Amino acid sequence: MSAYEILRKMEAIQALRAEAIQPLAEIQGQRADLLRQLAELDEPYGNAYAAAEAAGWTAEELSAIGAEEPVKRPKGRPRGRRANPRKSAGESAPAVPEALSPAVVPTQGSTGGTAPVGATYSS
């Protein structure tokens, strides 16, 4: 086989390969356009989803009606953070002052028994 014949076979193969890549190249361009359009909708979709949650919808309810959780949440305060973090185990809640504890008063007609305010006594 001569060099000329080898080059002709190679060109024929390359022509077939070029034809095969044409649809892929066109679809790739369309796909890139659609991905760009989808990315442009991420922020407004996230804002609309957050507004629905603020109006009382839960993520479970939104999911049940077909609304997927957004890829990007709107910028703002992070979810799940507390304004005042919990106290560490070493810190305890202050004791209830005696003035706020239930008062104990003598029961009527008793021989010295006592009952908390608001309690009923039956004899």
C-alpha atoms as a PDB file:
ATOM      1  CA  MET A   1       0.000   0.000   0.000  1.00  0.00           C
ATOM      2  CA  SER A   2       1.400   3.363  -0.992  1.00  0.00           C
ATOM      3  CA  ALA A   3       1.600   6.451   1.190  1.00  0.00           C
ATOM      4  CA  TYR A   4      -1.057   8.054  -0.968  1.00  0.00           C
ATOM      5  CA  GLU A   5      -3.520   5.197  -0.312  1.00  0.00           C
ATOM      6  CA  ILE A   6      -2.831   5.305   3.421  1.00  0.00           C
ATOM      7  CA  LEU A   7      -3.525   9.047   3.538  1.00  0.00           C
ATOM      8  CA  ARG A   8      -6.794   8.611   1.557  1.00  0.00           C
ATOM      9  CA  LYS A   9      -8.028   5.931   4.004  1.00  0.00           C
ATOM     10  CA  MET A  10      -7.099   8.147   6.923  1.00  0.00           C
ATOM     11  CA  GLU A  11      -9.007  11.104   5.381  1.00  0.00           C
ATOM     12  CA  ALA A  12     -12.089   8.916   4.805  1.00  0.00           C
ATOM     13  CA  ILE A  13     -12.026   7.759   8.434  1.00  0.00           C
ATOM     14  CA  GLN A  14     -11.548  11.330   9.671  1.00  0.00           C
ATOM     15  CA  ALA A  15     -14.484  12.509   7.516  1.00  0.00           C
ATOM     16  CA  LEU A  16     -16.752   9.892   9.122  1.00  0.00           C
ATOM     17  CA  ARG A  17     -15.555  10.914  12.576  1.00  0.00           C
ATOM     18  CA  ALA A  18     -16.164  14.607  11.783  1.00  0.00           C
ATOM     19  CA  GLU A  19     -19.734  13.796  10.690  1.00  0.00           C
ATOM     20  CA  ALA A  20     -20.342  11.884  13.906  1.00  0.00           C
ATOM     21  CA  ILE A  21     -19.189  14.786  16.090  1.00  0.00           C
ATOM     22  CA  GLN A  22     -21.430  17.408  14.400  1.00  0.00           C
ATOM     23  CA  PRO A  23     -24.696  16.540  16.295  1.00  0.00           C
ATOM     24  CA  LEU A  24     -22.796  16.308  19.567  1.00  0.00           C
ATOM     25  CA  ALA A  25     -21.286  19.765  19.061  1.00  0.00           C
ATOM     26  CA  GLU A  26     -24.717  21.279  18.305  1.00  0.00           C
ATOM     27  CA  ILE A  27     -26.360  19.646  21.313  1.00  0.00           C
ATOM     28  CA  GLN A  28     -23.459  20.685  23.543  1.00  0.00           C
ATOM     29  CA  GLY A  29     -24.074  24.333  22.545  1.00  0.00           C
ATOM     30  CA  GLN A  30     -27.797  24.034  23.322  1.00  0.00           C
ATOM     31  CA  ARG A  31     -27.014  22.349  26.623  1.00  0.00           C
ATOM     32  CA  ALA A  32     -24.630  25.120  27.657  1.00  0.00           C
ATOM     33  CA  ASP A  33     -27.345  27.710  26.918  1.00  0.00           C
ATOM     34  CA  LEU A  34     -29.914  25.814  28.992  1.00  0.00           C
ATOM     35  CA  LEU A  35     -27.507  25.388  31.922  1.00  0.00           C
ATOM     36  CA  ARG A  36     -26.822  29.141  31.856  1.00  0.00           C
ATOM     37  CA  GLN A  37     -30.573  29.859  31.878  1.00  0.00           C
ATOM     38  CA  LEU A  38     -31.083  27.432  34.752  1.00  0.00           C
ATOM     39  CA  ALA A  39     -28.293  29.067  36.744  1.00  0.00           C
ATOM     40  CA  GLU A  40     -29.964  32.450  36.236  1.00  0.00           C
ATOM     41  CA  LEU A  41     -33.141  31.053  37.863  1.00  0.00           C
ATOM     42  CA  ASP A  42     -31.392  29.696  40.968  1.00  0.00           C
ATOM     43  CA  GLU A  43     -31.495  32.966  42.921  1.00  0.00           C
ATOM     44  CA  PRO A  44     -35.131  33.931  42.179  1.00  0.00           C
ATOM     45  CA  TYR A  45     -36.224  30.334  42.865  1.00  0.00           C
ATOM     46  CA  GLY A  46     -34.390  30.351  46.202  1.00  0.00           C
ATOM     47  CA  ASN A  47     -36.039  33.657  47.130  1.00  0.00           C
ATOM     48  CA  ALA A  48     -39.498  32.349  46.189  1.00  0.00           C
ATOM     49  CA  TYR A  49     -38.903  29.136  48.169  1.00  0.00           C
ATOM     50  CA  ALA A  50     -37.797  31.132  51.227  1.00  0.00           C
ATOM     51  CA  ALA A  51     -40.873  33.357  50.901  1.00  0.00           C
ATOM     52  CA  ALA A  52     -43.108  30.263  50.848  1.00  0.00           C
ATOM     53  CA  GLU A  53     -41.406  28.985  54.014  1.00  0.00           C
ATOM     54  CA  ALA A  54     -41.797  32.400  55.653  1.00  0.00           C
ATOM     55  CA  ALA A  55     -45.513  32.228  54.815  1.00  0.00           C
ATOM     56  CA  GLY A  56     -45.797  29.015  56.823  1.00  0.00           C
ATOM     57  CA  TRP A  57     -45.035  26.213  54.350  1.00  0.00           C
ATOM     58  CA  THR A  58     -42.677  23.518  55.612  1.00  0.00           C
ATOM     59  CA  ALA A  59     -39.973  21.942  53.475  1.00  0.00           C
ATOM     60  CA  GLU A  60     -41.878  18.648  53.681  1.00  0.00           C
ATOM     61  CA  GLU A  61     -45.105  20.248  52.410  1.00  0.00           C
ATOM     62  CA  LEU A  62     -43.294  22.007  49.572  1.00  0.00           C
ATOM     63  CA  SER A  63     -41.590  18.764  48.617  1.00  0.00           C
ATOM     64  CA  ALA A  64     -44.929  16.928  48.643  1.00  0.00           C
ATOM     65  CA  ILE A  65     -46.369  19.361  46.084  1.00  0.00           C
ATOM     66  CA  GLY A  66     -43.314  19.066  43.845  1.00  0.00           C
ATOM     67  CA  ALA A  67     -41.222  22.078  44.880  1.00  0.00           C
ATOM     68  CA  GLU A  68     -37.630  20.938  45.288  1.00  0.00           C
ATOM     69  CA  GLU A  69     -35.412  22.583  47.864  1.00  0.00           C
ATOM     70  CA  PRO A  70     -33.287  25.203  46.092  1.00  0.00           C
ATOM     71  CA  VAL A  71     -29.667  24.537  45.239  1.00  0.00           C
ATOM     72  CA  LYS A  72     -28.692  27.923  46.651  1.00  0.00           C
ATOM     73  CA  ARG A  73     -30.528  29.521  49.522  1.00  0.00           C
ATOM     74  CA  PRO A  74     -30.919  33.305  49.491  1.00  0.00           C
ATOM     75  CA  LYS A  75     -28.244  35.282  51.249  1.00  0.00           C
ATOM     76  CA  GLY A  76     -29.118  36.325  54.742  1.00  0.00           C
ATOM     77  CA  ARG A  77     -29.045  34.948  58.209  1.00  0.00           C
ATOM     78  CA  PRO A  78     -27.947  31.293  58.292  1.00  0.00           C
ATOM     79  CA  ARG A  79     -30.669  28.848  59.274  1.00  0.00           C
ATOM     80  CA  GLY A  80     -30.416  26.925  62.507  1.00  0.00           C
ATOM     81  CA  ARG A  81     -28.337  29.419  64.430  1.00  0.00           C
ATOM     82  CA  ARG A  82     -29.522  30.780  67.737  1.00  0.00           C
ATOM     83  CA  ALA A  83     -29.222  34.385  68.788  1.00  0.00           C
ATOM     84  CA  ASN A  84     -28.185  33.282  72.284  1.00  0.00           C
ATOM     85  CA  PRO A  85     -26.143  30.085  72.371  1.00  0.00           C
ATOM     86  CA  ARG A  86     -27.013  27.584  75.075  1.00  0.00           C
ATOM     87  CA  LYS A  87     -25.160  27.794  78.334  1.00  0.00           C
ATOM     88  CA  SER A  88     -22.369  25.320  78.893  1.00  0.00           C
ATOM     89  CA  ALA A  89     -22.793  22.448  81.351  1.00  0.00           C
ATOM     90  CA  GLY A  90     -20.885  24.376  84.032  1.00  0.00           C
ATOM     91  CA  GLU A  91     -23.417  27.189  84.067  1.00  0.00           C
ATOM     92  CA  SER A  92     -26.759  26.481  85.697  1.00  0.00           C
ATOM     93  CA  ALA A  93     -30.017  28.362  85.725  1.00  0.00           C
ATOM     94  CA  PRO A  94     -30.489  30.690  88.680  1.00  0.00           C
ATOM     95  CA  ALA A  95     -32.467  29.280  91.600  1.00  0.00           C
ATOM     96  CA  VAL A  96     -36.060  30.435  92.027  1.00  0.00           C
ATOM     97  CA  PRO A  97     -36.158  33.093  94.754  1.00  0.00           C
ATOM     98  CA  GLU A  98     -38.297  32.224  97.766  1.00  0.00           C
ATOM     99  CA  ALA A  99     -40.603  35.131  97.010  1.00  0.00           C
ATOM    100  CA  LEU A 100     -41.616  33.428  93.733  1.00  0.00           C
ATOM    101  CA  SER A 101     -42.090  29.928  95.169  1.00  0.00           C
ATOM    102  CA  PRO A 102     -45.655  28.791  95.999  1.00  0.00           C
ATOM    103  CA  ALA A 103     -46.863  30.185  99.304  1.00  0.00           C
ATOM    104  CA  VAL A 104     -47.924  27.836 102.057  1.00  0.00           C
ATOM    105  CA  VAL A 105     -50.870  28.935 104.186  1.00  0.00           C
ATOM    106  CA  PRO A 106     -52.720  27.206 106.964  1.00  0.00           C
ATOM    107  CA  THR A 107     -55.903  25.398 105.923  1.00  0.00           C
ATOM    108  CA  GLN A 108     -59.198  26.654 107.307  1.00  0.00           C
ATOM    109  CA  GLY A 109     -60.501  24.882 110.284  1.00  0.00           C
ATOM    110  CA  SER A 110     -57.475  22.698 110.610  1.00  0.00           C
ATOM    111  CA  THR A 111     -55.372  21.770 113.519  1.00  0.00           C
ATOM    112  CA  GLY A 112     -52.246  23.362 112.167  1.00  0.00           C
ATOM    113  CA  GLY A 113     -51.978  21.641 108.769  1.00  0.00           C
ATOM    114  CA  THR A 114     -50.804  23.654 105.794  1.00  0.00           C
ATOM    115  CA  ALA A 115     -51.460  23.473 102.053  1.00  0.00           C
ATOM    116  CA  PRO A 116     -50.079  25.374  99.067  1.00  0.00           C
ATOM    117  CA  VAL A 117     -52.128  28.320  97.816  1.00  0.00           C
ATOM    118  CA  GLY A 118     -54.801  27.149  95.379  1.00  0.00           C
ATOM    119  CA  ALA A 119     -54.889  23.575  96.709  1.00  0.00           C
ATOM    120  CA  THR A 120     -58.208  22.102  97.708  1.00  0.00           C
ATOM    121  CA  TYR A 121     -58.634  20.331 100.982  1.00  0.00           C
ATOM    122  CA  SER A 122     -61.316  17.773 101.575  1.00  0.00           C
ATOM    123  CA  SER A 123     -62.146  16.240 104.927  1.00  0.00           C
END
